[in-house]
Amino acid sequence: MDYEVVVIGGGAAGLSGALTLARARRRVLVIDAGDPRNAPADGVHTYLGREGTPPARLLAIGRDEVTGYGGEIREGTVIRAERLEQGGFRLTVDDGTTVTAQRLLVTTGLVDELPPVEGLAERWGKDVLHCPYCHGWEVRDQPIGVLATGPLAVHQALLWRQWTEDVTLFRHTAPDFTDEQYEQFAARGIAVVEGEVTGLEVTGDRLTGVRLATGKTIPCRALAVATRLTARAGVLEDLGLSPAGMEMNGHVIGTRIPADPNGATEVPGVWVAGNVTTLNEQVIGAAAAGVRAATMINFDLVTEQTRRAVEERRRSPFDARNERDAADRTLGDRRHGL
């Protein structure tokens, strides 16, 4: 095997996992396509000790830390994964080269699928936002709109109300709200606007309003949008791992690769961490998940290496009755620096 572990994806989860494995003296390689989900954002937030760090800067720091412990980083996209008969995996990279690994940690993240409204993609991560914990402070006390595309819009509007008193909920394509929900909006001072949204008004590279199908424009400085969250999991399908739906409050918000709490998938030797398996994970949570998965991968390798060592010992002509004496001699040699 070229490597003991190959990490596919070099975001917070992947680099944290690689750092853990490199410090465990494992031969580890990170293959990263260089397309992080949070690239448009000005900074990473709620990340203790790195609050407000630009995403590219955070990743650069992480890469330096991984390589500082002997890990390797390689740019590229893994386009195929296959299990080898003798154990382990072979990965094909988009430049035509291949690498082999005993274990895989997949941290490829997800893709945000935006509603088909003109201008959303261009403002994504700037003033078209999705997470108030990631961006709420930066737009506090400003007029914030919420684009409703499904039942979770009610939750969104009530949540964003924590950061400003000026919240407008655009019903857009969402089903009609209940009387109880309208009462909640009224109690919290949230305005509800009927009709579909057709585009955005931008002035001086700043969002200034939301345009309706009627031609009317409602002033707005930030627009919250619920995207459909789709795991980047194409390479895992080669290994028999298929995405499954993930629910929030009884509604499917996207697709993920199922795994246990430590990131182990149903395919032996394959772990996942970060947004590819937990769609609503923030950056610091993804980093923690990478560490957790890496520790389990290391333990799995230790277990296998121990099993093989025992098998080899049993095949050797060494007299098992002398094992205790040999262990005692080894301990004595260490005490005397031999």
C-alpha atoms as a PDB file:
ATOM      1  CA  MET A   1       0.000   0.000   0.000  1.00  0.00           C
ATOM      2  CA  ASP A   2       1.216   3.517  -0.857  1.00  0.00           C
ATOM      3  CA  TYR A   3      -0.439   4.928   2.260  1.00  0.00           C
ATOM      4  CA  GLU A   4      -2.026   3.663   5.400  1.00  0.00           C
ATOM      5  CA  VAL A   5      -4.807   6.268   5.080  1.00  0.00           C
ATOM      6  CA  VAL A   6      -5.924   8.458   2.198  1.00  0.00           C
ATOM      7  CA  VAL A   7      -8.190  11.366   3.092  1.00  0.00           C
ATOM      8  CA  ILE A   8     -10.439  12.459   0.224  1.00  0.00           C
ATOM      9  CA  GLY A   9     -11.265  16.128   0.758  1.00  0.00           C
ATOM     10  CA  GLY A  10      -9.115  18.790   2.383  1.00  0.00           C
ATOM     11  CA  GLY A  11     -11.569  20.941   4.308  1.00  0.00           C
ATOM     12  CA  ALA A  12     -11.788  21.308   8.074  1.00  0.00           C
ATOM     13  CA  ALA A  13     -12.855  17.688   8.589  1.00  0.00           C
ATOM     14  CA  GLY A  14     -10.270  16.210   6.253  1.00  0.00           C
ATOM     15  CA  LEU A  15      -7.321  18.255   7.468  1.00  0.00           C
ATOM     16  CA  SER A  16      -8.200  17.665  11.125  1.00  0.00           C
ATOM     17  CA  GLY A  17      -8.388  13.941  10.465  1.00  0.00           C
ATOM     18  CA  ALA A  18      -5.095  13.995   8.564  1.00  0.00           C
ATOM     19  CA  LEU A  19      -3.408  15.983  11.335  1.00  0.00           C
ATOM     20  CA  THR A  20      -4.551  13.422  13.911  1.00  0.00           C
ATOM     21  CA  LEU A  21      -3.283  10.532  11.797  1.00  0.00           C
ATOM     22  CA  ALA A  22       0.032  12.208  10.985  1.00  0.00           C
ATOM     23  CA  ARG A  23       0.640  12.805  14.690  1.00  0.00           C
ATOM     24  CA  ALA A  24      -0.114   9.106  15.185  1.00  0.00           C
ATOM     25  CA  ARG A  25       2.832   8.427  12.828  1.00  0.00           C
ATOM     26  CA  ARG A  26       0.635   7.108  10.034  1.00  0.00           C
ATOM     27  CA  ARG A  27       1.489   7.431   6.338  1.00  0.00           C
ATOM     28  CA  VAL A  28      -1.340   9.724   5.299  1.00  0.00           C
ATOM     29  CA  LEU A  29      -2.218  11.544   2.081  1.00  0.00           C
ATOM     30  CA  VAL A  30      -4.884  14.215   1.582  1.00  0.00           C
ATOM     31  CA  ILE A  31      -6.312  14.570  -1.940  1.00  0.00           C
ATOM     32  CA  ASP A  32      -8.215  17.826  -2.289  1.00  0.00           C
ATOM     33  CA  ALA A  33     -10.052  19.338  -5.263  1.00  0.00           C
ATOM     34  CA  GLY A  34      -9.694  22.878  -3.877  1.00  0.00           C
ATOM     35  CA  ASP A  35     -13.409  23.719  -3.989  1.00  0.00           C
ATOM     36  CA  PRO A  36     -14.544  24.338  -0.391  1.00  0.00           C
ATOM     37  CA  ARG A  37     -18.202  25.018   0.244  1.00  0.00           C
ATOM     38  CA  ASN A  38     -17.526  28.166   2.278  1.00  0.00           C
ATOM     39  CA  ALA A  39     -15.119  29.767  -0.221  1.00  0.00           C
ATOM     40  CA  PRO A  40     -17.401  32.819  -0.859  1.00  0.00           C
ATOM     41  CA  ALA A  41     -17.644  33.675   2.861  1.00  0.00           C
ATOM     42  CA  ASP A  42     -15.572  36.469   4.380  1.00  0.00           C
ATOM     43  CA  GLY A  43     -14.713  34.475   7.483  1.00  0.00           C
ATOM     44  CA  VAL A  44     -15.251  31.324   9.507  1.00  0.00           C
ATOM     45  CA  HIS A  45     -17.335  31.944  12.629  1.00  0.00           C
ATOM     46  CA  THR A  46     -18.044  30.198  15.939  1.00  0.00           C
ATOM     47  CA  TYR A  47     -14.651  28.486  15.560  1.00  0.00           C
ATOM     48  CA  LEU A  48     -12.993  28.986  18.931  1.00  0.00           C
ATOM     49  CA  GLY A  49      -9.503  30.463  18.568  1.00  0.00           C
ATOM     50  CA  ARG A  50      -9.978  31.164  14.844  1.00  0.00           C
ATOM     51  CA  GLU A  51     -13.040  33.440  14.926  1.00  0.00           C
ATOM     52  CA  GLY A  52     -13.376  35.428  11.693  1.00  0.00           C
ATOM     53  CA  THR A  53     -10.459  33.725   9.920  1.00  0.00           C
ATOM     54  CA  PRO A  54     -10.944  33.769   6.112  1.00  0.00           C
ATOM     55  CA  PRO A  55     -11.727  30.235   4.905  1.00  0.00           C
ATOM     56  CA  ALA A  56      -8.697  30.071   2.598  1.00  0.00           C
ATOM     57  CA  ARG A  57      -6.421  31.173   5.434  1.00  0.00           C
ATOM     58  CA  LEU A  58      -7.815  28.527   7.793  1.00  0.00           C
ATOM     59  CA  LEU A  59      -7.151  25.802   5.231  1.00  0.00           C
ATOM     60  CA  ALA A  60      -3.637  27.093   4.551  1.00  0.00           C
ATOM     61  CA  ILE A  61      -2.857  26.910   8.275  1.00  0.00           C
ATOM     62  CA  GLY A  62      -4.278  23.383   8.401  1.00  0.00           C
ATOM     63  CA  ARG A  63      -2.222  22.198   5.429  1.00  0.00           C
ATOM     64  CA  ASP A  64       0.960  23.539   6.994  1.00  0.00           C
ATOM     65  CA  GLU A  65       0.163  21.718  10.225  1.00  0.00           C
ATOM     66  CA  VAL A  66      -0.474  18.417   8.429  1.00  0.00           C
ATOM     67  CA  THR A  67       2.717  18.560   6.368  1.00  0.00           C
ATOM     68  CA  GLY A  68       4.659  19.659   9.446  1.00  0.00           C
ATOM     69  CA  TYR A  69       4.015  16.207  10.919  1.00  0.00           C
ATOM     70  CA  GLY A  70       4.898  14.351   7.736  1.00  0.00           C
ATOM     71  CA  GLY A  71       1.476  14.153   6.096  1.00  0.00           C
ATOM     72  CA  GLU A  72       1.188  14.771   2.372  1.00  0.00           C
ATOM     73  CA  ILE A  73      -1.208  17.048   0.488  1.00  0.00           C
ATOM     74  CA  ARG A  74      -2.046  16.610  -3.184  1.00  0.00           C
ATOM     75  CA  GLU A  75      -4.333  18.641  -5.420  1.00  0.00           C
ATOM     76  CA  GLY A  76      -6.780  16.675  -7.506  1.00  0.00           C
ATOM     77  CA  THR A  77     -10.172  15.008  -7.664  1.00  0.00           C
ATOM     78  CA  VAL A  78     -10.685  11.324  -6.966  1.00  0.00           C
ATOM     79  CA  ILE A  79     -12.830  10.039  -9.819  1.00  0.00           C
ATOM     80  CA  ARG A  80     -12.899   6.347  -8.961  1.00  0.00           C
ATOM     81  CA  ALA A  81     -12.520   4.124  -5.909  1.00  0.00           C
ATOM     82  CA  GLU A  82     -12.254   0.339  -5.879  1.00  0.00           C
ATOM     83  CA  ARG A  83     -11.720  -2.321  -3.245  1.00  0.00           C
ATOM     84  CA  LEU A  84      -8.736  -4.597  -3.815  1.00  0.00           C
ATOM     85  CA  GLU A  85      -8.995  -8.375  -3.442  1.00  0.00           C
ATOM     86  CA  GLN A  86      -6.022  -8.479  -1.089  1.00  0.00           C
ATOM     87  CA  GLY A  87      -7.542  -5.721   1.052  1.00  0.00           C
ATOM     88  CA  GLY A  88      -7.351  -1.949   0.925  1.00  0.00           C
ATOM     89  CA  PHE A  89      -8.399   0.409  -1.837  1.00  0.00           C
ATOM     90  CA  ARG A  90      -7.161   1.848  -5.116  1.00  0.00           C
ATOM     91  CA  LEU A  91      -8.080   5.428  -5.992  1.00  0.00           C
ATOM     92  CA  THR A  92      -7.885   6.968  -9.453  1.00  0.00           C
ATOM     93  CA  VAL A  93      -7.233  10.716  -9.591  1.00  0.00           C
ATOM     94  CA  ASP A  94      -8.370  12.994 -12.403  1.00  0.00           C
ATOM     95  CA  ASP A  95      -4.819  13.275 -13.744  1.00  0.00           C
ATOM     96  CA  GLY A  96      -4.840   9.536 -14.459  1.00  0.00           C
ATOM     97  CA  THR A  97      -2.598   8.479 -11.570  1.00  0.00           C
ATOM     98  CA  THR A  98      -3.578   5.985  -8.889  1.00  0.00           C
ATOM     99  CA  VAL A  99      -2.785   5.565  -5.205  1.00  0.00           C
ATOM    100  CA  THR A 100      -3.538   2.734  -2.809  1.00  0.00           C
ATOM    101  CA  ALA A 101      -4.524   2.890   0.846  1.00  0.00           C
ATOM    102  CA  GLN A 102      -5.402   0.549   3.672  1.00  0.00           C
ATOM    103  CA  ARG A 103      -8.166   2.843   4.929  1.00  0.00           C
ATOM    104  CA  LEU A 104     -10.197   5.759   3.546  1.00  0.00           C
ATOM    105  CA  LEU A 105     -11.511   8.875   5.267  1.00  0.00           C
ATOM    106  CA  VAL A 106     -13.960  10.677   2.987  1.00  0.00           C
ATOM    107  CA  THR A 107     -14.644  14.344   3.806  1.00  0.00           C
ATOM    108  CA  THR A 108     -15.887  15.648   0.467  1.00  0.00           C
ATOM    109  CA  GLY A 109     -18.604  17.861   1.952  1.00  0.00           C
ATOM    110  CA  LEU A 110     -21.795  18.866   0.189  1.00  0.00           C
ATOM    111  CA  VAL A 111     -23.233  21.063  -2.556  1.00  0.00           C
ATOM    112  CA  ASP A 112     -25.788  23.787  -1.835  1.00  0.00           C
ATOM    113  CA  GLU A 113     -28.565  23.677  -4.439  1.00  0.00           C
ATOM    114  CA  LEU A 114     -30.096  27.158  -4.565  1.00  0.00           C
ATOM    115  CA  PRO A 115     -33.700  27.901  -5.549  1.00  0.00           C
ATOM    116  CA  PRO A 116     -34.020  29.022  -9.208  1.00  0.00           C
ATOM    117  CA  VAL A 117     -34.187  32.761  -8.549  1.00  0.00           C
ATOM    118  CA  GLU A 118     -32.149  35.183 -10.631  1.00  0.00           C
ATOM    119  CA  GLY A 119     -29.190  36.662  -8.773  1.00  0.00           C
ATOM    120  CA  LEU A 120     -29.056  34.241  -5.830  1.00  0.00           C
ATOM    121  CA  ALA A 121     -25.927  32.411  -6.969  1.00  0.00           C
ATOM    122  CA  GLU A 122     -23.979  35.640  -7.550  1.00  0.00           C
ATOM    123  CA  ARG A 123     -24.699  36.894  -4.009  1.00  0.00           C
ATOM    124  CA  TRP A 124     -24.305  33.496  -2.296  1.00  0.00           C
ATOM    125  CA  GLY A 125     -22.108  33.706   0.791  1.00  0.00           C
ATOM    126  CA  LYS A 126     -22.091  37.524   0.685  1.00  0.00           C
ATOM    127  CA  ASP A 127     -25.586  38.772   1.503  1.00  0.00           C
ATOM    128  CA  VAL A 128     -27.551  35.712   0.397  1.00  0.00           C
ATOM    129  CA  LEU A 129     -27.081  33.515   3.452  1.00  0.00           C
ATOM    130  CA  HIS A 130     -28.197  30.248   4.988  1.00  0.00           C
ATOM    131  CA  CYS A 131     -26.991  30.017   8.608  1.00  0.00           C
ATOM    132  CA  PRO A 132     -27.606  32.708  11.233  1.00  0.00           C
ATOM    133  CA  TYR A 133     -24.936  31.241  13.504  1.00  0.00           C
ATOM    134  CA  CYS A 134     -22.422  31.666  10.685  1.00  0.00           C
ATOM    135  CA  HIS A 135     -23.569  35.075   9.394  1.00  0.00           C
ATOM    136  CA  GLY A 136     -26.185  36.537  11.731  1.00  0.00           C
ATOM    137  CA  TRP A 137     -23.861  38.830  13.687  1.00  0.00           C
ATOM    138  CA  GLU A 138     -22.538  40.415  10.495  1.00  0.00           C
ATOM    139  CA  VAL A 139     -26.051  41.488   9.376  1.00  0.00           C
ATOM    140  CA  ARG A 140     -27.511  42.240  12.807  1.00  0.00           C
ATOM    141  CA  ASP A 141     -30.107  45.020  13.086  1.00  0.00           C
ATOM    142  CA  GLN A 142     -30.483  45.205   9.293  1.00  0.00           C
ATOM    143  CA  PRO A 143     -33.573  44.428   7.181  1.00  0.00           C
ATOM    144  CA  ILE A 144     -33.372  40.667   6.572  1.00  0.00           C
ATOM    145  CA  GLY A 145     -35.585  38.723   4.212  1.00  0.00           C
ATOM    146  CA  VAL A 146     -36.330  35.000   4.352  1.00  0.00           C
ATOM    147  CA  LEU A 147     -37.122  33.224   1.085  1.00  0.00           C
ATOM    148  CA  ALA A 148     -39.694  30.535   1.821  1.00  0.00           C
ATOM    149  CA  THR A 149     -39.440  27.416  -0.321  1.00  0.00           C
ATOM    150  CA  GLY A 150     -40.888  24.851   2.086  1.00  0.00           C
ATOM    151  CA  PRO A 151     -42.313  24.191   5.544  1.00  0.00           C
ATOM    152  CA  LEU A 152     -39.010  24.954   7.329  1.00  0.00           C
ATOM    153  CA  ALA A 153     -39.322  28.632   6.364  1.00  0.00           C
ATOM    154  CA  VAL A 154     -41.307  29.258   9.545  1.00  0.00           C
ATOM    155  CA  HIS A 155     -38.396  27.986  11.625  1.00  0.00           C
ATOM    156  CA  GLN A 156     -36.001  30.139   9.578  1.00  0.00           C
ATOM    157  CA  ALA A 157     -37.965  33.340  10.048  1.00  0.00           C
ATOM    158  CA  LEU A 158     -38.373  32.895  13.796  1.00  0.00           C
ATOM    159  CA  LEU A 159     -34.681  32.064  14.129  1.00  0.00           C
ATOM    160  CA  TRP A 160     -33.403  35.067  12.164  1.00  0.00           C
ATOM    161  CA  ARG A 161     -35.637  37.295  14.287  1.00  0.00           C
ATOM    162  CA  GLN A 162     -33.011  36.825  17.042  1.00  0.00           C
ATOM    163  CA  TRP A 163     -30.551  38.998  15.099  1.00  0.00           C
ATOM    164  CA  THR A 164     -32.866  41.803  13.958  1.00  0.00           C
ATOM    165  CA  GLU A 165     -36.311  43.237  14.570  1.00  0.00           C
ATOM    166  CA  ASP A 166     -36.782  43.792  10.820  1.00  0.00           C
ATOM    167  CA  VAL A 167     -37.592  40.394   9.276  1.00  0.00           C
ATOM    168  CA  THR A 168     -39.681  39.932   6.138  1.00  0.00           C
ATOM    169  CA  LEU A 169     -40.834  36.461   5.147  1.00  0.00           C
ATOM    170  CA  PHE A 170     -41.393  36.048   1.397  1.00  0.00           C
ATOM    171  CA  ARG A 171     -43.838  33.158   0.949  1.00  0.00           C
ATOM    172  CA  HIS A 172     -42.567  32.556  -2.607  1.00  0.00           C
ATOM    173  CA  THR A 173     -43.234  28.845  -3.353  1.00  0.00           C
ATOM    174  CA  ALA A 174     -43.907  27.610   0.187  1.00  0.00           C
ATOM    175  CA  PRO A 175     -47.338  26.226   1.107  1.00  0.00           C
ATOM    176  CA  ASP A 176     -49.674  28.611   2.900  1.00  0.00           C
ATOM    177  CA  PHE A 177     -49.018  29.116   6.577  1.00  0.00           C
ATOM    178  CA  THR A 178     -51.438  28.105   9.313  1.00  0.00           C
ATOM    179  CA  ASP A 179     -53.369  30.514  11.510  1.00  0.00           C
ATOM    180  CA  GLU A 180     -51.113  29.577  14.414  1.00  0.00           C
ATOM    181  CA  GLN A 181     -48.020  30.411  12.372  1.00  0.00           C
ATOM    182  CA  TYR A 182     -49.457  33.757  11.278  1.00  0.00           C
ATOM    183  CA  GLU A 183     -50.104  34.474  14.950  1.00  0.00           C
ATOM    184  CA  GLN A 184     -46.453  33.702  15.734  1.00  0.00           C
ATOM    185  CA  PHE A 185     -45.306  36.046  12.979  1.00  0.00           C
ATOM    186  CA  ALA A 186     -47.540  38.822  14.260  1.00  0.00           C
ATOM    187  CA  ALA A 187     -46.361  38.327  17.841  1.00  0.00           C
ATOM    188  CA  ARG A 188     -42.726  38.609  16.745  1.00  0.00           C
ATOM    189  CA  GLY A 189     -43.278  41.478  14.313  1.00  0.00           C
ATOM    190  CA  ILE A 190     -42.388  39.435  11.216  1.00  0.00           C
ATOM    191  CA  ALA A 191     -43.933  40.754   7.991  1.00  0.00           C
ATOM    192  CA  VAL A 192     -45.251  38.227   5.456  1.00  0.00           C
ATOM    193  CA  VAL A 193     -45.191  39.074   1.735  1.00  0.00           C
ATOM    194  CA  GLU A 194     -47.253  37.023  -0.714  1.00  0.00           C
ATOM    195  CA  GLY A 195     -46.203  36.292  -4.286  1.00  0.00           C
ATOM    196  CA  GLU A 196     -43.150  34.792  -5.932  1.00  0.00           C
ATOM    197  CA  VAL A 197     -39.717  36.363  -5.856  1.00  0.00           C
ATOM    198  CA  THR A 198     -38.199  36.804  -9.334  1.00  0.00           C
ATOM    199  CA  GLY A 199     -34.881  38.507  -8.613  1.00  0.00           C
ATOM    200  CA  LEU A 200     -32.710  40.734  -6.470  1.00  0.00           C
ATOM    201  CA  GLU A 201     -31.883  44.407  -6.544  1.00  0.00           C
ATOM    202  CA  VAL A 202     -28.174  45.141  -6.084  1.00  0.00           C
ATOM    203  CA  THR A 203     -26.603  48.588  -5.744  1.00  0.00           C
ATOM    204  CA  GLY A 204     -22.877  49.146  -5.435  1.00  0.00           C
ATOM    205  CA  ASP A 205     -22.224  45.435  -4.877  1.00  0.00           C
ATOM    206  CA  ARG A 206     -24.699  45.357  -1.994  1.00  0.00           C
ATOM    207  CA  LEU A 207     -28.098  43.728  -1.848  1.00  0.00           C
ATOM    208  CA  THR A 208     -30.728  46.447  -1.513  1.00  0.00           C
ATOM    209  CA  GLY A 209     -34.000  44.715  -2.274  1.00  0.00           C
ATOM    210  CA  VAL A 210     -36.016  41.692  -3.310  1.00  0.00           C
ATOM    211  CA  ARG A 211     -38.043  41.934  -6.530  1.00  0.00           C
ATOM    212  CA  LEU A 212     -41.476  40.288  -6.775  1.00  0.00           C
ATOM    213  CA  ALA A 213     -43.292  38.983  -9.841  1.00  0.00           C
ATOM    214  CA  THR A 214     -45.615  41.997  -9.606  1.00  0.00           C
ATOM    215  CA  GLY A 215     -42.628  44.274 -10.188  1.00  0.00           C
ATOM    216  CA  LYS A 216     -42.639  45.594  -6.645  1.00  0.00           C
ATOM    217  CA  THR A 217     -39.347  45.685  -4.739  1.00  0.00           C
ATOM    218  CA  ILE A 218     -39.131  45.175  -0.979  1.00  0.00           C
ATOM    219  CA  PRO A 219     -36.046  46.753   0.712  1.00  0.00           C
ATOM    220  CA  CYS A 220     -33.679  44.144   2.090  1.00  0.00           C
ATOM    221  CA  ARG A 221     -29.967  44.043   3.030  1.00  0.00           C
ATOM    222  CA  ALA A 222     -29.644  40.273   3.484  1.00  0.00           C
ATOM    223  CA  LEU A 223     -31.686  37.328   2.270  1.00  0.00           C
ATOM    224  CA  ALA A 224     -31.789  33.986   4.088  1.00  0.00           C
ATOM    225  CA  VAL A 225     -32.266  30.988   1.808  1.00  0.00           C
ATOM    226  CA  ALA A 226     -32.706  27.312   2.642  1.00  0.00           C
ATOM    227  CA  THR A 227     -30.736  25.309   0.089  1.00  0.00           C
ATOM    228  CA  ARG A 228     -31.105  21.652  -0.709  1.00  0.00           C
ATOM    229  CA  LEU A 229     -28.016  19.989   0.740  1.00  0.00           C
ATOM    230  CA  THR A 230     -26.544  17.238  -1.433  1.00  0.00           C
ATOM    231  CA  ALA A 231     -23.576  15.180  -0.272  1.00  0.00           C
ATOM    232  CA  ARG A 232     -20.628  14.987  -2.649  1.00  0.00           C
ATOM    233  CA  ALA A 233     -20.635  11.226  -2.624  1.00  0.00           C
ATOM    234  CA  GLY A 234     -20.183  10.071  -6.214  1.00  0.00           C
ATOM    235  CA  VAL A 235     -16.873   8.351  -5.498  1.00  0.00           C
ATOM    236  CA  LEU A 236     -18.437   6.381  -2.650  1.00  0.00           C
ATOM    237  CA  GLU A 237     -21.046   4.849  -4.925  1.00  0.00           C
ATOM    238  CA  ASP A 238     -18.196   2.873  -6.534  1.00  0.00           C
ATOM    239  CA  LEU A 239     -17.811   1.149  -3.154  1.00  0.00           C
ATOM    240  CA  GLY A 240     -21.512   0.470  -2.722  1.00  0.00           C
ATOM    241  CA  LEU A 241     -22.351   3.438  -0.479  1.00  0.00           C
ATOM    242  CA  SER A 242     -25.481   5.303  -1.557  1.00  0.00           C
ATOM    243  CA  PRO A 243     -26.754   8.614  -0.151  1.00  0.00           C
ATOM    244  CA  ALA A 244     -29.838   8.613   2.046  1.00  0.00           C
ATOM    245  CA  GLY A 245     -32.207  11.407   2.982  1.00  0.00           C
ATOM    246  CA  MET A 246     -31.614  13.471   6.107  1.00  0.00           C
ATOM    247  CA  GLU A 247     -34.587  14.970   7.933  1.00  0.00           C
ATOM    248  CA  MET A 248     -35.019  18.055  10.075  1.00  0.00           C
ATOM    249  CA  ASN A 249     -38.284  18.595  11.945  1.00  0.00           C
ATOM    250  CA  GLY A 250     -39.828  15.849   9.849  1.00  0.00           C
ATOM    251  CA  HIS A 251     -38.779  17.308   6.487  1.00  0.00           C
ATOM    252  CA  VAL A 252     -36.019  16.041   4.181  1.00  0.00           C
ATOM    253  CA  ILE A 253     -33.350  18.720   3.790  1.00  0.00           C
ATOM    254  CA  GLY A 254     -30.948  16.765   1.578  1.00  0.00           C
ATOM    255  CA  THR A 255     -28.897  13.620   1.173  1.00  0.00           C
ATOM    256  CA  ARG A 256     -26.034  12.229   3.245  1.00  0.00           C
ATOM    257  CA  ILE A 257     -23.855   9.138   3.575  1.00  0.00           C
ATOM    258  CA  PRO A 258     -25.085   7.192   6.625  1.00  0.00           C
ATOM    259  CA  ALA A 259     -22.468   6.418   9.277  1.00  0.00           C
ATOM    260  CA  ASP A 260     -22.206   5.643  12.967  1.00  0.00           C
ATOM    261  CA  PRO A 261     -21.332   8.414  15.491  1.00  0.00           C
ATOM    262  CA  ASN A 262     -17.610   7.836  14.853  1.00  0.00           C
ATOM    263  CA  GLY A 263     -17.926   8.069  11.075  1.00  0.00           C
ATOM    264  CA  ALA A 264     -17.700   4.358  10.223  1.00  0.00           C
ATOM    265  CA  THR A 265     -19.781   3.407   7.179  1.00  0.00           C
ATOM    266  CA  GLU A 266     -21.251   0.012   6.376  1.00  0.00           C
ATOM    267  CA  VAL A 267     -18.238  -0.664   4.121  1.00  0.00           C
ATOM    268  CA  PRO A 268     -15.304  -1.904   6.244  1.00  0.00           C
ATOM    269  CA  GLY A 269     -12.311   0.389   6.003  1.00  0.00           C
ATOM    270  CA  VAL A 270     -14.270   3.467   4.927  1.00  0.00           C
ATOM    271  CA  TRP A 271     -15.034   6.372   7.258  1.00  0.00           C
ATOM    272  CA  VAL A 272     -16.775   9.699   6.585  1.00  0.00           C
ATOM    273  CA  ALA A 273     -16.741  13.002   8.467  1.00  0.00           C
ATOM    274  CA  GLY A 274     -18.132  16.504   8.109  1.00  0.00           C
ATOM    275  CA  ASN A 275     -20.925  17.666   5.823  1.00  0.00           C
ATOM    276  CA  VAL A 276     -20.835  14.555   3.638  1.00  0.00           C
ATOM    277  CA  THR A 277     -22.555  12.718   6.491  1.00  0.00           C
ATOM    278  CA  THR A 278     -23.911  15.497   8.767  1.00  0.00           C
ATOM    279  CA  LEU A 279     -25.481  18.129   6.541  1.00  0.00           C
ATOM    280  CA  ASN A 280     -26.010  20.812   9.186  1.00  0.00           C
ATOM    281  CA  GLU A 281     -22.520  20.553  10.708  1.00  0.00           C
ATOM    282  CA  GLN A 282     -20.645  23.843  11.175  1.00  0.00           C
ATOM    283  CA  VAL A 283     -16.908  24.164  10.513  1.00  0.00           C
ATOM    284  CA  ILE A 284     -15.761  23.535  14.074  1.00  0.00           C
ATOM    285  CA  GLY A 285     -18.061  20.517  14.330  1.00  0.00           C
ATOM    286  CA  ALA A 286     -16.714  19.139  11.060  1.00  0.00           C
ATOM    287  CA  ALA A 287     -13.174  19.516  12.367  1.00  0.00           C
ATOM    288  CA  ALA A 288     -14.096  17.637  15.555  1.00  0.00           C
ATOM    289  CA  ALA A 289     -15.746  14.879  13.504  1.00  0.00           C
ATOM    290  CA  GLY A 290     -12.556  14.507  11.466  1.00  0.00           C
ATOM    291  CA  VAL A 291     -10.519  14.029  14.630  1.00  0.00           C
ATOM    292  CA  ARG A 292     -13.013  11.504  16.002  1.00  0.00           C
ATOM    293  CA  ALA A 293     -13.029   9.442  12.802  1.00  0.00           C
ATOM    294  CA  ALA A 294      -9.224   9.541  12.580  1.00  0.00           C
ATOM    295  CA  THR A 295      -8.789   8.163  16.087  1.00  0.00           C
ATOM    296  CA  MET A 296     -11.061   5.242  15.214  1.00  0.00           C
ATOM    297  CA  ILE A 297      -9.171   4.619  11.971  1.00  0.00           C
ATOM    298  CA  ASN A 298      -5.896   4.564  13.878  1.00  0.00           C
ATOM    299  CA  PHE A 299      -7.337   2.123  16.430  1.00  0.00           C
ATOM    300  CA  ASP A 300      -8.640  -0.068  13.612  1.00  0.00           C
ATOM    301  CA  LEU A 301      -5.156  -0.172  12.076  1.00  0.00           C
ATOM    302  CA  VAL A 302      -3.584  -0.944  15.465  1.00  0.00           C
ATOM    303  CA  THR A 303      -6.020  -3.832  15.905  1.00  0.00           C
ATOM    304  CA  GLU A 304      -5.210  -5.254  12.486  1.00  0.00           C
ATOM    305  CA  GLN A 305      -1.456  -4.862  12.955  1.00  0.00           C
ATOM    306  CA  THR A 306      -1.662  -6.637  16.303  1.00  0.00           C
ATOM    307  CA  ARG A 307      -3.671  -9.481  14.800  1.00  0.00           C
ATOM    308  CA  ARG A 308      -1.137  -9.942  12.016  1.00  0.00           C
ATOM    309  CA  ALA A 309       1.774  -9.804  14.449  1.00  0.00           C
ATOM    310  CA  VAL A 310       0.182 -12.535  16.565  1.00  0.00           C
ATOM    311  CA  GLU A 311      -0.416 -14.693  13.481  1.00  0.00           C
ATOM    312  CA  GLU A 312       3.183 -14.242  12.385  1.00  0.00           C
ATOM    313  CA  ARG A 313       4.440 -15.114  15.828  1.00  0.00           C
ATOM    314  CA  ARG A 314       2.386 -18.296  15.855  1.00  0.00           C
ATOM    315  CA  ARG A 315       3.891 -19.322  12.533  1.00  0.00           C
ATOM    316  CA  SER A 316       7.446 -18.776  13.788  1.00  0.00           C
ATOM    317  CA  PRO A 317       9.517 -21.522  15.480  1.00  0.00           C
ATOM    318  CA  PHE A 318       9.693 -19.470  18.682  1.00  0.00           C
ATOM    319  CA  ASP A 319       8.852 -21.544  21.744  1.00  0.00           C
ATOM    320  CA  ALA A 320       5.694 -20.045  23.245  1.00  0.00           C
ATOM    321  CA  ARG A 321       6.784 -21.264  26.695  1.00  0.00           C
ATOM    322  CA  ASN A 322       9.601 -18.723  26.665  1.00  0.00           C
ATOM    323  CA  GLU A 323       7.352 -15.736  25.855  1.00  0.00           C
ATOM    324  CA  ARG A 324       7.223 -14.458  29.450  1.00  0.00           C
ATOM    325  CA  ASP A 325      11.027 -14.729  29.743  1.00  0.00           C
ATOM    326  CA  ALA A 326      11.457 -12.867  26.469  1.00  0.00           C
ATOM    327  CA  ALA A 327       9.120 -10.091  27.628  1.00  0.00           C
ATOM    328  CA  ASP A 328      11.021  -9.808  30.893  1.00  0.00           C
ATOM    329  CA  ARG A 329      14.327  -9.542  29.022  1.00  0.00           C
ATOM    330  CA  THR A 330      12.913  -6.831  26.764  1.00  0.00           C
ATOM    331  CA  LEU A 331      11.764  -4.815  29.784  1.00  0.00           C
ATOM    332  CA  GLY A 332      15.167  -5.244  31.416  1.00  0.00           C
ATOM    333  CA  ASP A 333      16.966  -4.106  28.265  1.00  0.00           C
ATOM    334  CA  ARG A 334      14.842  -0.951  28.143  1.00  0.00           C
ATOM    335  CA  ARG A 335      15.565  -0.157  31.791  1.00  0.00           C
ATOM    336  CA  HIS A 336      19.301  -0.428  31.142  1.00  0.00           C
ATOM    337  CA  GLY A 337      19.150   1.552  27.890  1.00  0.00           C
ATOM    338  CA  LEU A 338      20.089  -1.459  25.730  1.00  0.00           C
END
